[in-house]
Amino acid sequence: MLGQWPLAIVLLGVAGGLAIVAATHWRIGCTVIGGALAVGGVLRMILGKKRSGLLAVRRPAVDVVVMLGIGVGILVLAWLAPGYGN
């Protein structure tokens, strides 16, 4: 169970971001979500297959590109989307 800390970090970050979106501000929450996914991509790149736990789904290159791509994409969309209200 303790070997799944990389996945736990990503899931806690996404859950925290969703809580922020639901409670206060969508842009900050989406930034937290995108940052958590980008951190997951970096963790997958740095850690080996055995140490990255359930973040290792496919080959390392595919995992890193997908997680970093989605994380950076969410960050870019969160900050480029026009803000209405909060």
PDB file of N, CA and C in Angstrom:
ATOM      1  N   MET A   1       0.816  -1.201   0.000  1.00  0.00           N
ATOM      2  CA  MET A   1       0.000   0.000   0.000  1.00  0.00           C
ATOM      3  C   MET A   1       0.858   1.263   0.000  1.00  0.00           C
ATOM      4  N   LEU A   2       1.964   1.250   0.734  1.00  0.00           N
ATOM      5  CA  LEU A   2       2.819   2.431   0.777  1.00  0.00           C
ATOM      6  C   LEU A   2       3.548   2.664  -0.535  1.00  0.00           C
ATOM      7  N   GLY A   3       3.620   1.653  -1.379  1.00  0.00           N
ATOM      8  CA  GLY A   3       4.266   1.797  -2.671  1.00  0.00           C
ATOM      9  C   GLY A   3       3.450   2.592  -3.674  1.00  0.00           C
ATOM     10  N   GLN A   4       2.229   2.946  -3.339  1.00  0.00           N
ATOM     11  CA  GLN A   4       1.351   3.678  -4.255  1.00  0.00           C
ATOM     12  C   GLN A   4       1.323   5.175  -3.961  1.00  0.00           C
ATOM     13  N   TRP A   5       2.356   5.695  -3.298  1.00  0.00           N
ATOM     14  CA  TRP A   5       2.355   7.121  -2.957  1.00  0.00           C
ATOM     15  C   TRP A   5       2.349   8.040  -4.182  1.00  0.00           C
ATOM     16  N   PRO A   6       2.961   7.693  -5.320  1.00  0.00           N
ATOM     17  CA  PRO A   6       2.854   8.617  -6.473  1.00  0.00           C
ATOM     18  C   PRO A   6       1.408   8.780  -6.958  1.00  0.00           C
ATOM     19  N   LEU A   7       0.693   7.672  -7.019  1.00  0.00           N
ATOM     20  CA  LEU A   7      -0.709   7.741  -7.426  1.00  0.00           C
ATOM     21  C   LEU A   7      -1.533   8.510  -6.397  1.00  0.00           C
ATOM     22  N   ALA A   8      -1.235   8.310  -5.123  1.00  0.00           N
ATOM     23  CA  ALA A   8      -1.966   9.014  -4.063  1.00  0.00           C
ATOM     24  C   ALA A   8      -1.766  10.524  -4.167  1.00  0.00           C
ATOM     25  N   ILE A   9      -0.561  10.955  -4.496  1.00  0.00           N
ATOM     26  CA  ILE A   9      -0.301  12.388  -4.657  1.00  0.00           C
ATOM     27  C   ILE A   9      -1.143  12.963  -5.788  1.00  0.00           C
ATOM     28  N   VAL A  10      -1.179  12.261  -6.909  1.00  0.00           N
ATOM     29  CA  VAL A  10      -1.959  12.740  -8.055  1.00  0.00           C
ATOM     30  C   VAL A  10      -3.449  12.763  -7.719  1.00  0.00           C
ATOM     31  N   LEU A  11      -3.944  11.696  -7.119  1.00  0.00           N
ATOM     32  CA  LEU A  11      -5.377  11.635  -6.796  1.00  0.00           C
ATOM     33  C   LEU A  11      -5.774  12.679  -5.757  1.00  0.00           C
ATOM     34  N   LEU A  12      -4.928  12.908  -4.763  1.00  0.00           N
ATOM     35  CA  LEU A  12      -5.229  13.943  -3.770  1.00  0.00           C
ATOM     36  C   LEU A  12      -5.218  15.330  -4.395  1.00  0.00           C
ATOM     37  N   GLY A  13      -4.293  15.551  -5.329  1.00  0.00           N
ATOM     38  CA  GLY A  13      -4.257  16.833  -6.024  1.00  0.00           C
ATOM     39  C   GLY A  13      -5.500  17.065  -6.867  1.00  0.00           C
ATOM     40  N   VAL A  14      -5.927  16.039  -7.581  1.00  0.00           N
ATOM     41  CA  VAL A  14      -7.136  16.161  -8.403  1.00  0.00           C
ATOM     42  C   VAL A  14      -8.373  16.348  -7.517  1.00  0.00           C
ATOM     43  N   ALA A  15      -8.448  15.598  -6.423  1.00  0.00           N
ATOM     44  CA  ALA A  15      -9.592  15.749  -5.504  1.00  0.00           C
ATOM     45  C   ALA A  15      -9.602  17.136  -4.879  1.00  0.00           C
ATOM     46  N   GLY A  16      -8.435  17.634  -4.503  1.00  0.00           N
ATOM     47  CA  GLY A  16      -8.357  18.994  -3.960  1.00  0.00           C
ATOM     48  C   GLY A  16      -8.774  20.034  -4.979  1.00  0.00           C
ATOM     49  N   GLY A  17      -8.344  19.847  -6.219  1.00  0.00           N
ATOM     50  CA  GLY A  17      -8.745  20.776  -7.272  1.00  0.00           C
ATOM     51  C   GLY A  17     -10.241  20.756  -7.526  1.00  0.00           C
ATOM     52  N   LEU A  18     -10.825  19.566  -7.518  1.00  0.00           N
ATOM     53  CA  LEU A  18     -12.280  19.473  -7.695  1.00  0.00           C
ATOM     54  C   LEU A  18     -13.023  20.122  -6.535  1.00  0.00           C
ATOM     55  N   ALA A  19     -12.490  19.986  -5.338  1.00  0.00           N
ATOM     56  CA  ALA A  19     -13.116  20.634  -4.177  1.00  0.00           C
ATOM     57  C   ALA A  19     -13.039  22.153  -4.311  1.00  0.00           C
ATOM     58  N   ILE A  20     -11.926  22.659  -4.810  1.00  0.00           N
ATOM     59  CA  ILE A  20     -11.794  24.104  -5.004  1.00  0.00           C
ATOM     60  C   ILE A  20     -12.750  24.582  -6.091  1.00  0.00           C
ATOM     61  N   VAL A  21     -12.891  23.817  -7.160  1.00  0.00           N
ATOM     62  CA  VAL A  21     -13.835  24.189  -8.220  1.00  0.00           C
ATOM     63  C   VAL A  21     -15.252  24.237  -7.668  1.00  0.00           C
ATOM     64  N   ALA A  22     -15.613  23.242  -6.873  1.00  0.00           N
ATOM     65  CA  ALA A  22     -16.974  23.187  -6.330  1.00  0.00           C
ATOM     66  C   ALA A  22     -17.231  24.286  -5.304  1.00  0.00           C
ATOM     67  N   ALA A  23     -16.198  24.660  -4.555  1.00  0.00           N
ATOM     68  CA  ALA A  23     -16.405  25.591  -3.450  1.00  0.00           C
ATOM     69  C   ALA A  23     -16.212  27.051  -3.850  1.00  0.00           C
ATOM     70  N   THR A  24     -15.164  27.349  -4.610  1.00  0.00           N
ATOM     71  CA  THR A  24     -14.855  28.761  -4.805  1.00  0.00           C
ATOM     72  C   THR A  24     -14.624  29.155  -6.257  1.00  0.00           C
ATOM     73  N   HIS A  25     -13.477  28.816  -6.785  1.00  0.00           N
ATOM     74  CA  HIS A  25     -13.049  29.422  -8.040  1.00  0.00           C
ATOM     75  C   HIS A  25     -12.595  28.359  -9.026  1.00  0.00           C
ATOM     76  N   TRP A  26     -13.196  28.339 -10.207  1.00  0.00           N
ATOM     77  CA  TRP A  26     -12.909  27.288 -11.181  1.00  0.00           C
ATOM     78  C   TRP A  26     -11.498  27.374 -11.737  1.00  0.00           C
ATOM     79  N   ARG A  27     -10.970  28.571 -11.916  1.00  0.00           N
ATOM     80  CA  ARG A  27      -9.646  28.711 -12.522  1.00  0.00           C
ATOM     81  C   ARG A  27      -8.551  28.185 -11.596  1.00  0.00           C
ATOM     82  N   ILE A  28      -8.643  28.487 -10.320  1.00  0.00           N
ATOM     83  CA  ILE A  28      -7.650  27.989  -9.359  1.00  0.00           C
ATOM     84  C   ILE A  28      -7.768  26.476  -9.227  1.00  0.00           C
ATOM     85  N   GLY A  29      -8.987  25.964  -9.174  1.00  0.00           N
ATOM     86  CA  GLY A  29      -9.187  24.519  -9.077  1.00  0.00           C
ATOM     87  C   GLY A  29      -8.644  23.778 -10.285  1.00  0.00           C
ATOM     88  N   CYS A  30      -8.881  24.312 -11.483  1.00  0.00           N
ATOM     89  CA  CYS A  30      -8.357  23.678 -12.691  1.00  0.00           C
ATOM     90  C   CYS A  30      -6.836  23.760 -12.735  1.00  0.00           C
ATOM     91  N   THR A  31      -6.269  24.819 -12.186  1.00  0.00           N
ATOM     92  CA  THR A  31      -4.818  24.925 -12.104  1.00  0.00           C
ATOM     93  C   THR A  31      -4.254  23.843 -11.190  1.00  0.00           C
ATOM     94  N   VAL A  32      -4.908  23.595 -10.081  1.00  0.00           N
ATOM     95  CA  VAL A  32      -4.464  22.540  -9.155  1.00  0.00           C
ATOM     96  C   VAL A  32      -4.578  21.173  -9.830  1.00  0.00           C
ATOM     97  N   ILE A  33      -5.662  20.938 -10.554  1.00  0.00           N
ATOM     98  CA  ILE A  33      -5.845  19.659 -11.248  1.00  0.00           C
ATOM     99  C   ILE A  33      -4.765  19.470 -12.313  1.00  0.00           C
ATOM    100  N   GLY A  34      -4.551  20.465 -13.131  1.00  0.00           N
ATOM    101  CA  GLY A  34      -3.517  20.372 -14.163  1.00  0.00           C
ATOM    102  C   GLY A  34      -2.133  20.205 -13.573  1.00  0.00           C
ATOM    103  N   GLY A  35      -1.868  20.903 -12.474  1.00  0.00           N
ATOM    104  CA  GLY A  35      -0.577  20.761 -11.813  1.00  0.00           C
ATOM    105  C   GLY A  35      -0.380  19.367 -11.240  1.00  0.00           C
ATOM    106  N   ALA A  36      -1.429  18.796 -10.677  1.00  0.00           N
ATOM    107  CA  ALA A  36      -1.333  17.439 -10.122  1.00  0.00           C
ATOM    108  C   ALA A  36      -1.051  16.422 -11.221  1.00  0.00           C
ATOM    109  N   LEU A  37      -1.693  16.574 -12.371  1.00  0.00           N
ATOM    110  CA  LEU A  37      -1.432  15.659 -13.481  1.00  0.00           C
ATOM    111  C   LEU A  37      -0.034  15.837 -14.044  1.00  0.00           C
ATOM    112  N   ALA A  38       0.438  17.073 -14.105  1.00  0.00           N
ATOM    113  CA  ALA A  38       1.799  17.316 -14.577  1.00  0.00           C
ATOM    114  C   ALA A  38       2.824  16.733 -13.601  1.00  0.00           C
ATOM    115  N   VAL A  39       2.563  16.852 -12.308  1.00  0.00           N
ATOM    116  CA  VAL A  39       3.443  16.244 -11.304  1.00  0.00           C
ATOM    117  C   VAL A  39       3.449  14.730 -11.471  1.00  0.00           C
ATOM    118  N   GLY A  40       2.296  14.146 -11.772  1.00  0.00           N
ATOM    119  CA  GLY A  40       2.239  12.707 -12.029  1.00  0.00           C
ATOM    120  C   GLY A  40       3.092  12.306 -13.214  1.00  0.00           C
ATOM    121  N   GLY A  41       3.083  13.115 -14.264  1.00  0.00           N
ATOM    122  CA  GLY A  41       3.928  12.835 -15.417  1.00  0.00           C
ATOM    123  C   GLY A  41       5.400  12.926 -15.085  1.00  0.00           C
ATOM    124  N   VAL A  42       5.760  13.919 -14.290  1.00  0.00           N
ATOM    125  CA  VAL A  42       7.160  14.062 -13.877  1.00  0.00           C
ATOM    126  C   VAL A  42       7.571  12.904 -12.970  1.00  0.00           C
ATOM    127  N   LEU A  43       6.696  12.520 -12.048  1.00  0.00           N
ATOM    128  CA  LEU A  43       7.002  11.378 -11.178  1.00  0.00           C
ATOM    129  C   LEU A  43       7.181  10.102 -11.986  1.00  0.00           C
ATOM    130  N   ARG A  44       6.366   9.909 -12.989  1.00  0.00           N
ATOM    131  CA  ARG A  44       6.492   8.715 -13.838  1.00  0.00           C
ATOM    132  C   ARG A  44       7.809   8.731 -14.601  1.00  0.00           C
ATOM    133  N   MET A  45       8.246   9.927 -14.987  1.00  0.00           N
ATOM    134  CA  MET A  45       9.491  10.052 -15.725  1.00  0.00           C
ATOM    135  C   MET A  45      10.693   9.801 -14.806  1.00  0.00           C
ATOM    136  N   ILE A  46      10.647  10.303 -13.594  1.00  0.00           N
ATOM    137  CA  ILE A  46      11.779  10.204 -12.671  1.00  0.00           C
ATOM    138  C   ILE A  46      11.881   8.819 -12.043  1.00  0.00           C
ATOM    139  N   LEU A  47      10.755   8.294 -11.589  1.00  0.00           N
ATOM    140  CA  LEU A  47      10.759   7.015 -10.893  1.00  0.00           C
ATOM    141  C   LEU A  47      10.787   5.860 -11.889  1.00  0.00           C
ATOM    142  N   GLY A  48      11.296   4.754 -11.477  1.00  0.00           N
ATOM    143  CA  GLY A  48      11.285   3.575 -12.334  1.00  0.00           C
ATOM    144  C   GLY A  48       9.921   2.919 -12.353  1.00  0.00           C
ATOM    145  N   LYS A  49       9.805   1.848 -13.123  1.00  0.00           N
ATOM    146  CA  LYS A  49       8.520   1.158 -13.236  1.00  0.00           C
ATOM    147  C   LYS A  49       8.067   0.593 -11.894  1.00  0.00           C
ATOM    148  N   LYS A  50       8.992   0.041 -11.132  1.00  0.00           N
ATOM    149  CA  LYS A  50       8.615  -0.544  -9.849  1.00  0.00           C
ATOM    150  C   LYS A  50       8.257   0.514  -8.817  1.00  0.00           C
ATOM    151  N   ARG A  51       8.933   1.650  -8.848  1.00  0.00           N
ATOM    152  CA  ARG A  51       8.703   2.679  -7.833  1.00  0.00           C
ATOM    153  C   ARG A  51       7.537   3.598  -8.164  1.00  0.00           C
ATOM    154  N   SER A  52       7.094   3.620  -9.414  1.00  0.00           N
ATOM    155  CA  SER A  52       5.992   4.520  -9.764  1.00  0.00           C
ATOM    156  C   SER A  52       4.624   3.898  -9.517  1.00  0.00           C
ATOM    157  N   GLY A  53       4.562   2.641  -9.159  1.00  0.00           N
ATOM    158  CA  GLY A  53       3.302   2.005  -8.784  1.00  0.00           C
ATOM    159  C   GLY A  53       2.298   1.974  -9.921  1.00  0.00           C
ATOM    160  N   LEU A  54       1.068   2.355  -9.601  1.00  0.00           N
ATOM    161  CA  LEU A  54      -0.010   2.297 -10.590  1.00  0.00           C
ATOM    162  C   LEU A  54       0.024   3.440 -11.598  1.00  0.00           C
ATOM    163  N   LEU A  55       0.988   4.365 -11.472  1.00  0.00           N
ATOM    164  CA  LEU A  55       1.171   5.352 -12.534  1.00  0.00           C
ATOM    165  C   LEU A  55       1.767   4.708 -13.773  1.00  0.00           C
ATOM    166  N   ALA A  56       2.404   3.565 -13.604  1.00  0.00           N
ATOM    167  CA  ALA A  56       3.005   2.843 -14.724  1.00  0.00           C
ATOM    168  C   ALA A  56       1.947   1.967 -15.372  1.00  0.00           C
ATOM    169  N   VAL A  57       1.355   2.460 -16.442  1.00  0.00           N
ATOM    170  CA  VAL A  57       0.309   1.717 -17.131  1.00  0.00           C
ATOM    171  C   VAL A  57       0.848   1.124 -18.422  1.00  0.00           C
ATOM    172  N   ARG A  58       1.565   1.935 -19.165  1.00  0.00           N
ATOM    173  CA  ARG A  58       2.116   1.511 -20.454  1.00  0.00           C
ATOM    174  C   ARG A  58       3.618   1.712 -20.421  1.00  0.00           C
ATOM    175  N   ARG A  59       4.194   1.912 -21.582  1.00  0.00           N
ATOM    176  CA  ARG A  59       5.618   2.224 -21.636  1.00  0.00           C
ATOM    177  C   ARG A  59       5.847   3.597 -21.010  1.00  0.00           C
ATOM    178  N   PRO A  60       7.014   3.832 -20.442  1.00  0.00           N
ATOM    179  CA  PRO A  60       7.269   5.115 -19.776  1.00  0.00           C
ATOM    180  C   PRO A  60       7.052   6.328 -20.678  1.00  0.00           C
ATOM    181  N   ALA A  61       7.468   6.243 -21.923  1.00  0.00           N
ATOM    182  CA  ALA A  61       7.313   7.391 -22.819  1.00  0.00           C
ATOM    183  C   ALA A  61       5.842   7.729 -23.039  1.00  0.00           C
ATOM    184  N   VAL A  62       5.019   6.732 -23.204  1.00  0.00           N
ATOM    185  CA  VAL A  62       3.578   6.964 -23.420  1.00  0.00           C
ATOM    186  C   VAL A  62       2.946   7.555 -22.166  1.00  0.00           C
ATOM    187  N   ASP A  63       3.272   6.988 -21.005  1.00  0.00           N
ATOM    188  CA  ASP A  63       2.713   7.495 -19.753  1.00  0.00           C
ATOM    189  C   ASP A  63       3.086   8.958 -19.525  1.00  0.00           C
ATOM    190  N   VAL A  64       4.351   9.288 -19.733  1.00  0.00           N
ATOM    191  CA  VAL A  64       4.826  10.651 -19.491  1.00  0.00           C
ATOM    192  C   VAL A  64       4.187  11.627 -20.471  1.00  0.00           C
ATOM    193  N   VAL A  65       4.150  11.280 -21.745  1.00  0.00           N
ATOM    194  CA  VAL A  65       3.583  12.188 -22.747  1.00  0.00           C
ATOM    195  C   VAL A  65       2.097  12.424 -22.486  1.00  0.00           C
ATOM    196  N   VAL A  66       1.368  11.375 -22.155  1.00  0.00           N
ATOM    197  CA  VAL A  66      -0.074  11.525 -21.919  1.00  0.00           C
ATOM    198  C   VAL A  66      -0.338  12.360 -20.670  1.00  0.00           C
ATOM    199  N   MET A  67       0.327  12.036 -19.564  1.00  0.00           N
ATOM    200  CA  MET A  67       0.059  12.771 -18.321  1.00  0.00           C
ATOM    201  C   MET A  67       0.519  14.222 -18.401  1.00  0.00           C
ATOM    202  N   LEU A  68       1.716  14.452 -18.947  1.00  0.00           N
ATOM    203  CA  LEU A  68       2.177  15.834 -19.100  1.00  0.00           C
ATOM    204  C   LEU A  68       1.323  16.591 -20.105  1.00  0.00           C
ATOM    205  N   GLY A  69       0.919  15.932 -21.181  1.00  0.00           N
ATOM    206  CA  GLY A  69       0.076  16.587 -22.179  1.00  0.00           C
ATOM    207  C   GLY A  69      -1.266  17.008 -21.617  1.00  0.00           C
ATOM    208  N   ILE A  70      -1.904  16.125 -20.885  1.00  0.00           N
ATOM    209  CA  ILE A  70      -3.203  16.459 -20.295  1.00  0.00           C
ATOM    210  C   ILE A  70      -3.041  17.527 -19.220  1.00  0.00           C
ATOM    211  N   GLY A  71      -2.008  17.383 -18.376  1.00  0.00           N
ATOM    212  CA  GLY A  71      -1.781  18.369 -17.313  1.00  0.00           C
ATOM    213  C   GLY A  71      -1.506  19.756 -17.859  1.00  0.00           C
ATOM    214  N   VAL A  72      -0.596  19.854 -18.821  1.00  0.00           N
ATOM    215  CA  VAL A  72      -0.289  21.161 -19.414  1.00  0.00           C
ATOM    216  C   VAL A  72      -1.478  21.687 -20.202  1.00  0.00           C
ATOM    217  N   GLY A  73      -2.207  20.807 -20.866  1.00  0.00           N
ATOM    218  CA  GLY A  73      -3.400  21.239 -21.586  1.00  0.00           C
ATOM    219  C   GLY A  73      -4.451  21.849 -20.671  1.00  0.00           C
ATOM    220  N   ILE A  74      -4.680  21.223 -19.533  1.00  0.00           N
ATOM    221  CA  ILE A  74      -5.640  21.776 -18.567  1.00  0.00           C
ATOM    222  C   ILE A  74      -5.145  23.112 -18.029  1.00  0.00           C
ATOM    223  N   LEU A  75      -3.842  23.209 -17.745  1.00  0.00           N
ATOM    224  CA  LEU A  75      -3.290  24.479 -17.260  1.00  0.00           C
ATOM    225  C   LEU A  75      -3.466  25.589 -18.293  1.00  0.00           C
ATOM    226  N   VAL A  76      -3.168  25.297 -19.536  1.00  0.00           N
ATOM    227  CA  VAL A  76      -3.291  26.315 -20.589  1.00  0.00           C
ATOM    228  C   VAL A  76      -4.747  26.722 -20.775  1.00  0.00           C
ATOM    229  N   LEU A  77      -5.646  25.758 -20.833  1.00  0.00           N
ATOM    230  CA  LEU A  77      -7.063  26.094 -20.999  1.00  0.00           C
ATOM    231  C   LEU A  77      -7.617  26.865 -19.805  1.00  0.00           C
ATOM    232  N   ALA A  78      -7.141  26.522 -18.607  1.00  0.00           N
ATOM    233  CA  ALA A  78      -7.633  27.224 -17.419  1.00  0.00           C
ATOM    234  C   ALA A  78      -7.241  28.682 -17.442  1.00  0.00           C
ATOM    235  N   TRP A  79      -6.076  28.991 -17.942  1.00  0.00           N
ATOM    236  CA  TRP A  79      -5.609  30.377 -17.908  1.00  0.00           C
ATOM    237  C   TRP A  79      -5.902  31.162 -19.181  1.00  0.00           C
ATOM    238  N   LEU A  80      -6.267  30.480 -20.266  1.00  0.00           N
ATOM    239  CA  LEU A  80      -6.613  31.206 -21.485  1.00  0.00           C
ATOM    240  C   LEU A  80      -8.111  31.406 -21.660  1.00  0.00           C
ATOM    241  N   ALA A  81      -8.914  30.624 -20.964  1.00  0.00           N
ATOM    242  CA  ALA A  81     -10.369  30.753 -21.077  1.00  0.00           C
ATOM    243  C   ALA A  81     -10.809  32.083 -20.465  1.00  0.00           C
ATOM    244  N   PRO A  82     -11.736  32.751 -21.124  1.00  0.00           N
ATOM    245  CA  PRO A  82     -12.210  34.020 -20.551  1.00  0.00           C
ATOM    246  C   PRO A  82     -12.956  33.759 -19.249  1.00  0.00           C
ATOM    247  N   GLY A  83     -12.705  34.579 -18.265  1.00  0.00           N
ATOM    248  CA  GLY A  83     -13.341  34.397 -16.969  1.00  0.00           C
ATOM    249  C   GLY A  83     -14.598  35.230 -16.840  1.00  0.00           C
ATOM    250  N   TYR A  84     -15.691  34.567 -16.587  1.00  0.00           N
ATOM    251  CA  TYR A  84     -16.960  35.255 -16.357  1.00  0.00           C
ATOM    252  C   TYR A  84     -17.343  35.025 -14.913  1.00  0.00           C
ATOM    253  N   GLY A  85     -17.589  36.042 -14.193  1.00  0.00           N
ATOM    254  CA  GLY A  85     -17.909  35.876 -12.772  1.00  0.00           C
ATOM    255  C   GLY A  85     -16.645  35.544 -12.009  1.00  0.00           C
ATOM    256  N   ASN A  86     -16.643  34.382 -11.372  1.00  0.00           N
ATOM    257  CA  ASN A  86     -15.426  34.009 -10.612  1.00  0.00           C
ATOM    258  C   ASN A  86     -14.631  33.017 -11.357  1.00  0.00           C
TER     259      ASN A  86
END
